[in-house]
């Protein structure tokens, strides 16, 4: 009986761990899809991965809408690379909070490469069986962040 109980507990723990790992992988995959789409100026893909009422709080405190974010990507934001690091995910009943750092490199109007390092928080909610980013917040660590 003790062996059966121990086996059931172990299977529950392993199953829970596997499920958490899958959720983490799904969320980080969505993060990567957004980054790749931003670099490619693919506003259609970015739009599909953001909620209709998405907001982004920039390092200077300005809050922009999904419409403004997509417009910025389409009109002038030209990143060469976006590298995420130190990502940590916390799960809360269908909501995921992603904390991390990002290094942005982009071409300015003169064609010169500029960069910024930021710390960010992205919030995801499961909508129609898919992780959707509903908000972002960034704080400047170094470089030209705004």
Protein backbone atom coordinates (compact mmCIF):
# COMPACT_ATOMS: atom_id res chain seq x y z
CA UNK A 1 0.00 0.00 0.00
CA UNK A 2 2.82 2.43 0.87
CA UNK A 3 4.52 1.58 -2.42
CA UNK A 4 1.34 2.28 -4.40
CA UNK A 5 0.80 5.59 -2.58
CA UNK A 6 4.42 6.63 -3.14
CA UNK A 7 4.10 5.74 -6.85
CA UNK A 8 0.92 7.81 -7.19
CA UNK A 9 2.56 10.79 -5.50
CA UNK A 10 5.66 10.47 -7.70
CA UNK A 11 3.56 10.28 -10.89
CA UNK A 12 1.59 13.36 -9.82
CA UNK A 13 4.80 15.32 -9.19
CA UNK A 14 6.37 14.20 -12.49
CA UNK A 15 3.16 14.96 -14.41
CA UNK A 16 2.91 18.42 -12.83
CA UNK A 17 6.57 19.13 -13.63
CA UNK A 18 6.08 18.03 -17.26
CA UNK A 19 2.99 20.21 -17.59
CA UNK A 20 4.83 23.25 -16.13
CA UNK A 21 7.73 22.65 -18.52
CA UNK A 22 5.31 22.53 -21.49
CA UNK A 23 3.63 25.77 -20.39
CA UNK A 24 7.01 27.45 -20.01
CA UNK A 25 8.06 26.23 -23.46
CA UNK A 26 4.78 27.46 -25.00
CA UNK A 27 5.16 30.92 -23.47
CA UNK A 28 8.82 31.31 -24.42
CA UNK A 29 7.95 30.15 -27.95
CA UNK A 30 5.34 32.91 -28.16
CA UNK A 31 7.91 35.44 -26.87
CA UNK A 32 10.34 34.31 -29.60
CA UNK A 33 7.66 34.51 -32.31
CA UNK A 34 6.95 38.12 -31.33
CA UNK A 35 10.66 39.02 -31.36
CA UNK A 36 11.20 37.37 -34.75
CA UNK A 37 8.13 39.10 -36.20
CA UNK A 38 9.25 42.51 -34.88
CA UNK A 39 12.68 42.07 -36.49
CA UNK A 40 11.01 41.12 -39.80
CA UNK A 41 8.54 44.05 -39.51
CA UNK A 42 5.75 41.44 -39.63
CA UNK A 43 2.99 43.41 -37.94
CA UNK A 44 0.34 40.84 -38.90
CA UNK A 45 2.03 38.14 -36.78
CA UNK A 46 2.74 40.56 -33.94
CA UNK A 47 -0.90 41.66 -33.96
CA UNK A 48 -2.13 38.05 -33.78
CA UNK A 49 0.02 37.38 -30.68
CA UNK A 50 -1.13 40.50 -28.78
CA UNK A 51 -4.54 41.02 -27.18
CA UNK A 52 -6.86 43.61 -28.72
CA UNK A 53 -6.37 45.88 -25.70
CA UNK A 54 -2.59 45.33 -25.36
CA UNK A 55 -0.62 48.13 -23.71
CA UNK A 56 3.11 48.74 -23.49
CA UNK A 57 4.65 50.96 -20.82
CA UNK A 58 7.89 52.35 -22.26
CA UNK A 59 10.99 53.05 -20.15
CA UNK A 60 10.10 56.77 -20.05
CA UNK A 61 6.69 55.95 -18.54
CA UNK A 62 4.67 56.61 -21.69
CA UNK A 63 1.92 54.03 -22.25
CA UNK A 64 1.16 53.08 -25.84
CA UNK A 65 -1.65 51.00 -27.32
CA UNK A 66 -1.42 47.99 -29.57
CA UNK A 67 -2.25 50.26 -32.52
CA UNK A 68 0.65 52.61 -31.70
CA UNK A 69 3.07 49.70 -31.07
CA UNK A 70 2.23 48.16 -34.46
CA UNK A 71 2.52 51.55 -36.13
CA UNK A 72 5.98 52.09 -34.60
CA UNK A 73 7.10 48.69 -35.90
CA UNK A 74 5.74 49.42 -39.37
CA UNK A 75 7.03 52.99 -39.70
CA UNK A 76 10.37 53.35 -37.96
CA UNK A 77 11.42 50.68 -35.40
CA UNK A 78 14.13 48.67 -37.20
CA UNK A 79 15.83 46.32 -34.75
CA UNK A 80 18.81 44.34 -36.00
CA UNK A 81 18.62 42.00 -33.02
CA UNK A 82 16.69 41.49 -29.80
CA UNK A 83 18.32 39.14 -27.32
CA UNK A 84 16.44 38.02 -24.22
CA UNK A 85 18.18 36.67 -21.11
CA UNK A 86 17.50 35.86 -17.46
CA UNK A 87 13.90 34.96 -18.23
CA UNK A 88 11.77 33.77 -15.32
CA UNK A 89 8.13 32.72 -15.63
CA UNK A 90 5.54 32.67 -12.86
CA UNK A 91 2.17 31.01 -13.47
CA UNK A 92 -1.15 32.00 -11.87
CA UNK A 93 -4.28 30.13 -13.06
CA UNK A 94 -4.13 30.88 -16.77
CA UNK A 95 -1.91 33.94 -16.43
CA UNK A 96 1.85 33.98 -16.93
CA UNK A 97 4.27 36.72 -15.92
CA UNK A 98 7.59 36.76 -17.78
CA UNK A 99 10.45 38.73 -16.23
CA UNK A 100 13.66 39.15 -18.14
CA UNK A 101 16.31 41.32 -19.67
CA UNK A 102 16.58 42.35 -23.30
CA UNK A 103 19.37 43.79 -25.38
CA UNK A 104 18.10 45.73 -28.38
CA UNK A 105 20.30 46.70 -31.34
CA UNK A 106 18.85 48.83 -34.14
CA UNK A 107 19.80 51.13 -36.98
CA UNK A 108 19.13 54.81 -36.39
CA UNK A 109 18.16 57.27 -39.12
CA UNK A 110 21.84 57.67 -40.08
CA UNK A 111 22.28 53.91 -40.47
CA UNK A 112 24.41 53.65 -37.31
CA UNK A 113 23.86 50.81 -34.85
CA UNK A 114 22.54 51.85 -31.44
CA UNK A 115 21.68 49.67 -28.49
CA UNK A 116 19.82 49.60 -25.21
CA UNK A 117 19.56 47.16 -22.34
CA UNK A 118 16.22 46.88 -20.60
CA UNK A 119 14.54 44.85 -17.93
CA UNK A 120 11.00 43.88 -18.87
CA UNK A 121 7.80 42.28 -17.69
CA UNK A 122 5.43 40.66 -20.18
CA UNK A 123 2.02 39.43 -19.05
CA UNK A 124 0.29 36.59 -20.89
CA UNK A 125 -3.24 35.25 -20.57
CA UNK A 126 -4.57 32.06 -22.10
CA UNK A 127 -7.24 33.13 -24.60
CA UNK A 128 -8.92 30.54 -26.83
CA UNK A 129 -6.32 27.90 -25.85
CA UNK A 130 -3.44 30.19 -26.88
CA UNK A 131 -1.03 32.33 -24.86
CA UNK A 132 -1.64 35.98 -25.72
CA UNK A 133 0.45 38.91 -24.51
CA UNK A 134 -1.80 41.48 -22.83
CA UNK A 135 0.77 43.96 -21.52
CA UNK A 136 4.45 44.82 -21.39
CA UNK A 137 6.56 47.10 -19.23
CA UNK A 138 10.19 48.04 -19.76
CA UNK A 139 12.76 49.75 -17.54
CA UNK A 140 16.03 51.10 -18.88
CA UNK A 141 19.25 49.54 -17.62
CA UNK A 142 21.65 51.24 -20.05
CA UNK A 143 21.90 52.74 -23.51
CA UNK A 144 19.36 54.76 -25.49
CA UNK A 145 16.08 53.33 -24.21
CA UNK A 146 13.60 55.90 -25.53
